Amino acid sequence: MILAALLWTWTASGKDTVPTVRWTEGNPGCTFTRGDDGKYRWAMWTDDVGVSLAVDSQELQKTRRRHERIFGVLLNVHYRGSGTLKVNPQKTTLEFVNHFHTVRNSLHPDYFSKEIQKKADDLADETEYQIQKHPEKKDEKENYLRDYENEVSGLTRFLSTHSLREATLNPGDPEVGGWIFFETKSKWIGDWKKQETFLLRFRFKNRVFEFPFTLPPSEGDLILRRRELH
């Protein structure tokens, strides 16, 4: 029995293609929680696999504070079948519903790391050139470069150690989790609204899991974060 809502995607000829499993509030197998770690969590189970999506309650604000305008989600996949299940995060997409339904593919963590490192190297060269032309702006230029290099350094380490990677799950190794990021810099994606609606699609070989979600889930929604005791 399929616990979550199961839809079928139809082609123009009327033939069914890949089935879509969609998170729907109140349906068996679909849950939503607010964690004391500051994350909203949407989870969905079918007979053989469960997928959970976690998003930081302040992700919209964090996205606009970063030099690299990326939007991050935390995904966990748990397999309870008897065979194998291939997980490929590079097939994941995020639809920005309020922004002309713009769809962005997930960023490959290794390629993205190389890209932003090259940006940092290019910025260092440009900063040196600009300081020679405008020595009075030395402090301003160096501070900006330092901020960007620090962000790139931290981000590349995070991508290396915490990204969701390709995996093959089985009864002996049933779970995998990690972060996926999406680029938000686009002429079609403008300023964030008070509430933003998204649609995340996570693809397996024989089905697609869809998570429609809104940030915040209700206007003015607030999560009280747990304080770490030292």
Protein backbone atom coordinates (compact mmCIF):
# COMPACT_ATOMS: atom_id res chain seq x y z
CA MET A 1 0.00 0.00 0.00
CA ILE A 2 1.32 3.45 -0.90
CA LEU A 3 1.06 5.67 2.16
CA ALA A 4 1.65 9.06 0.55
CA ALA A 5 -0.44 10.61 -2.19
CA LEU A 6 0.44 8.97 -5.51
CA LEU A 7 -0.11 10.83 -8.76
CA TRP A 8 0.70 9.89 -12.32
CA THR A 9 2.34 12.18 -14.82
CA TRP A 10 0.73 11.86 -18.24
CA THR A 11 2.26 12.48 -21.64
CA ALA A 12 0.36 14.16 -24.44
CA SER A 13 -0.49 10.72 -25.86
CA GLY A 14 -2.17 9.75 -22.60
CA LYS A 15 0.42 7.16 -21.59
CA ASP A 16 1.60 7.19 -18.00
CA THR A 17 5.30 7.85 -17.45
CA VAL A 18 7.05 8.17 -14.09
CA PRO A 19 4.72 8.15 -11.08
CA THR A 20 4.89 11.15 -8.77
CA VAL A 21 4.57 10.82 -5.01
CA ARG A 22 3.48 14.19 -3.59
CA TRP A 23 3.63 15.42 -0.03
CA THR A 24 0.09 16.39 1.01
CA GLU A 25 -0.78 17.72 4.44
CA GLY A 26 -2.90 15.30 6.44
CA ASN A 27 -2.26 12.29 4.20
CA PRO A 28 -0.96 9.06 5.78
CA GLY A 29 2.80 8.93 5.49
CA CYS A 30 3.16 12.72 5.31
CA THR A 31 4.38 14.69 8.33
CA PHE A 32 5.46 18.23 9.13
CA THR A 33 7.41 19.31 12.22
CA ARG A 34 9.16 22.37 13.61
CA GLY A 35 12.48 21.40 15.16
CA ASP A 36 14.22 23.14 18.04
CA ASP A 37 17.28 23.29 15.77
CA GLY A 38 15.51 26.01 13.78
CA LYS A 39 14.48 23.82 10.85
CA TYR A 40 11.13 22.98 9.31
CA ARG A 41 10.82 19.32 8.28
CA TRP A 42 8.54 17.71 5.75
CA ALA A 43 8.70 13.90 5.58
CA MET A 44 7.00 11.39 3.31
CA TRP A 45 6.92 7.58 3.39
CA THR A 46 5.88 4.95 0.89
CA ASP A 47 6.08 1.19 1.44
CA ASP A 48 9.80 0.96 0.73
CA VAL A 49 11.33 4.43 1.01
CA GLY A 50 11.05 7.56 3.11
CA VAL A 51 12.35 11.01 2.23
CA SER A 52 12.61 13.96 4.60
CA LEU A 53 13.22 17.57 3.61
CA ALA A 54 14.56 20.06 6.16
CA VAL A 55 14.87 23.80 5.55
CA ASP A 56 16.31 26.40 7.91
CA SER A 57 13.58 28.76 9.08
CA GLN A 58 15.90 31.69 8.26
CA GLU A 59 17.07 30.38 4.88
CA LEU A 60 15.48 33.24 2.94
CA GLN A 61 17.35 35.82 5.01
CA LYS A 62 20.60 33.83 4.90
CA THR A 63 20.41 33.52 1.12
CA ARG A 64 20.40 37.29 0.66
CA ARG A 65 23.29 37.81 3.11
CA ARG A 66 25.63 35.46 1.26
CA HIS A 67 27.95 36.61 -1.49
CA GLU A 68 26.90 33.47 -3.35
CA ARG A 69 23.10 33.62 -3.52
CA ILE A 70 22.42 29.93 -2.94
CA PHE A 71 19.43 28.27 -1.30
CA GLY A 72 20.10 25.13 0.74
CA VAL A 73 17.96 22.16 1.77
CA LEU A 74 18.83 19.11 3.85
CA LEU A 75 17.57 15.79 2.49
CA ASN A 76 17.57 12.35 4.08
CA VAL A 77 16.60 9.14 2.28
CA HIS A 78 15.78 5.93 4.17
CA TYR A 79 15.30 2.66 2.28
CA ARG A 80 13.44 -0.25 3.84
CA GLY A 81 13.08 -2.47 0.78
CA SER A 82 14.80 -5.80 0.16
CA GLY A 83 16.71 -4.84 -2.99
CA THR A 84 18.69 -1.71 -3.82
CA LEU A 85 17.82 1.95 -4.36
CA LYS A 86 20.04 4.38 -6.25
CA VAL A 87 20.15 7.96 -4.99
CA ASN A 88 21.32 10.69 -7.36
CA PRO A 89 20.97 14.21 -5.92
CA GLN A 90 22.00 15.79 -9.24
CA LYS A 91 18.52 15.03 -10.60
CA THR A 92 16.92 17.26 -7.97
CA THR A 93 15.19 20.50 -8.99
CA LEU A 94 13.70 23.43 -7.10
CA GLU A 95 10.85 25.47 -8.55
CA PHE A 96 10.49 29.09 -7.40
CA VAL A 97 6.72 29.24 -7.72
CA ASN A 98 6.35 32.97 -7.00
CA HIS A 99 9.00 33.90 -9.56
CA PHE A 100 7.57 32.86 -12.93
CA HIS A 101 7.82 29.20 -11.83
CA THR A 102 11.56 29.34 -12.47
CA VAL A 103 13.14 25.89 -12.06
CA ARG A 104 16.79 25.50 -11.01
CA ASN A 105 18.82 22.31 -11.06
CA SER A 106 20.84 21.35 -8.02
CA LEU A 107 24.45 22.50 -7.93
CA HIS A 108 27.12 19.83 -8.18
CA PRO A 109 29.17 20.37 -4.99
CA ASP A 110 32.56 19.68 -6.57
CA TYR A 111 32.01 21.78 -9.70
CA PHE A 112 30.49 24.59 -7.65
CA SER A 113 33.47 24.56 -5.26
CA LYS A 114 35.87 24.93 -8.19
CA GLU A 115 33.75 27.73 -9.63
CA ILE A 116 33.68 29.84 -6.48
CA GLN A 117 37.39 29.22 -5.81
CA LYS A 118 38.14 30.57 -9.27
CA LYS A 119 35.94 33.59 -8.49
CA ALA A 120 37.97 34.18 -5.32
CA ASP A 121 41.25 33.96 -7.25
CA ASP A 122 39.95 36.34 -9.92
CA LEU A 123 38.72 38.75 -7.26
CA ALA A 124 42.14 38.74 -5.59
CA ASP A 125 43.76 39.72 -8.90
CA GLU A 126 41.14 42.40 -9.56
CA THR A 127 41.49 43.76 -6.02
CA GLU A 128 45.25 44.14 -6.42
CA TYR A 129 44.70 45.97 -9.71
CA GLN A 130 42.06 48.29 -8.24
CA ILE A 131 44.24 49.16 -5.24
CA GLN A 132 47.03 50.20 -7.59
CA LYS A 133 44.60 52.49 -9.40
CA HIS A 134 42.82 53.74 -6.27
CA PRO A 135 45.12 53.40 -3.24
CA GLU A 136 42.67 55.43 -1.15
CA LYS A 137 40.22 52.47 -1.40
CA LYS A 138 42.76 49.92 -0.16
CA ASP A 139 41.00 49.12 3.14
CA GLU A 140 37.56 48.87 1.52
CA LYS A 141 38.77 46.55 -1.25
CA GLU A 142 40.83 44.36 1.06
CA ASN A 143 37.98 44.00 3.56
CA TYR A 144 35.58 42.91 0.82
CA LEU A 145 38.12 40.43 -0.53
CA ARG A 146 38.74 39.03 2.95
CA ASP A 147 35.00 38.56 3.56
CA TYR A 148 34.55 36.81 0.24
CA GLU A 149 37.58 34.54 0.70
CA ASN A 150 36.39 33.58 4.19
CA GLU A 151 32.95 32.71 2.85
CA VAL A 152 34.41 30.66 0.01
CA SER A 153 36.76 28.83 2.37
CA GLY A 154 33.94 27.89 4.74
CA LEU A 155 31.55 27.00 1.93
CA THR A 156 33.99 24.73 0.10
CA ARG A 157 34.72 22.84 3.34
CA PHE A 158 31.00 22.47 4.00
CA LEU A 159 30.29 21.27 0.46
CA SER A 160 33.10 18.73 0.73
CA THR A 161 31.91 17.20 4.00
CA HIS A 162 28.14 17.73 4.18
CA SER A 163 26.77 17.51 0.62
CA LEU A 164 24.36 14.75 -0.37
CA ARG A 165 26.28 12.37 -2.63
CA GLU A 166 25.32 9.61 -5.03
CA ALA A 167 24.70 6.34 -3.19
CA THR A 168 23.17 2.90 -3.58
CA LEU A 169 21.06 1.95 -0.58
CA ASN A 170 20.31 -1.61 0.52
CA PRO A 171 19.14 -3.40 3.71
CA GLY A 172 22.69 -3.28 5.12
CA ASP A 173 23.21 0.38 4.25
CA PRO A 174 19.70 1.87 4.23
CA GLU A 175 20.18 5.59 4.80
CA VAL A 176 21.94 8.60 3.32
CA GLY A 177 21.61 12.30 3.98
CA GLY A 178 23.19 15.63 3.14
CA TRP A 179 22.74 19.13 1.79
CA ILE A 180 21.72 20.22 -1.70
CA PHE A 181 22.07 23.79 -2.95
CA PHE A 182 20.41 25.78 -5.71
CA GLU A 183 21.44 29.02 -7.41
CA THR A 184 18.97 31.89 -6.88
CA LYS A 185 20.71 34.57 -8.91
CA SER A 186 18.52 35.02 -11.98
CA LYS A 187 16.74 37.80 -13.83
CA TRP A 188 13.55 35.83 -13.20
CA ILE A 189 14.02 35.58 -9.43
CA GLY A 190 13.44 38.90 -7.70
CA ASP A 191 13.32 39.99 -4.08
CA TRP A 192 11.81 37.55 -1.61
CA LYS A 193 8.19 38.04 -0.66
CA LYS A 194 6.90 37.74 2.93
CA GLN A 195 6.01 34.15 2.08
CA GLU A 196 7.73 32.17 -0.65
CA THR A 197 6.35 29.01 -2.23
CA PHE A 198 8.64 26.30 -3.59
CA LEU A 199 8.33 22.88 -5.16
CA LEU A 200 11.21 20.47 -4.70
CA ARG A 201 11.36 17.41 -6.96
CA PHE A 202 13.61 14.53 -5.93
CA ARG A 203 13.93 11.84 -8.58
CA PHE A 204 14.51 8.14 -8.31
CA LYS A 205 14.65 5.80 -11.31
CA ASN A 206 11.01 4.76 -11.08
CA ARG A 207 9.32 7.66 -9.28
CA VAL A 208 9.52 11.32 -8.33
CA PHE A 209 9.00 12.65 -4.81
CA GLU A 210 7.47 16.14 -4.77
CA PHE A 211 7.58 18.47 -1.77
CA PRO A 212 5.54 21.67 -2.11
CA PHE A 213 6.48 23.98 0.76
CA THR A 214 6.20 27.58 1.87
CA LEU A 215 8.62 29.72 3.90
CA PRO A 216 7.53 30.54 6.44
CA PRO A 217 4.75 27.88 6.50
CA SER A 218 2.39 30.49 7.94
CA GLU A 219 2.87 34.25 7.98
CA GLY A 220 4.85 35.33 11.02
CA ASP A 221 5.78 31.74 11.90
CA LEU A 222 8.68 31.61 14.37
CA ILE A 223 10.83 28.75 15.66
CA LEU A 224 12.49 29.07 19.04
CA ARG A 225 15.95 27.58 18.63
CA ARG A 226 17.46 25.38 21.30
CA ARG A 227 20.39 27.00 23.06
CA GLU A 228 23.54 24.92 23.34
CA LEU A 229 24.78 24.59 26.92
CA HIS A 230 28.53 24.73 27.46
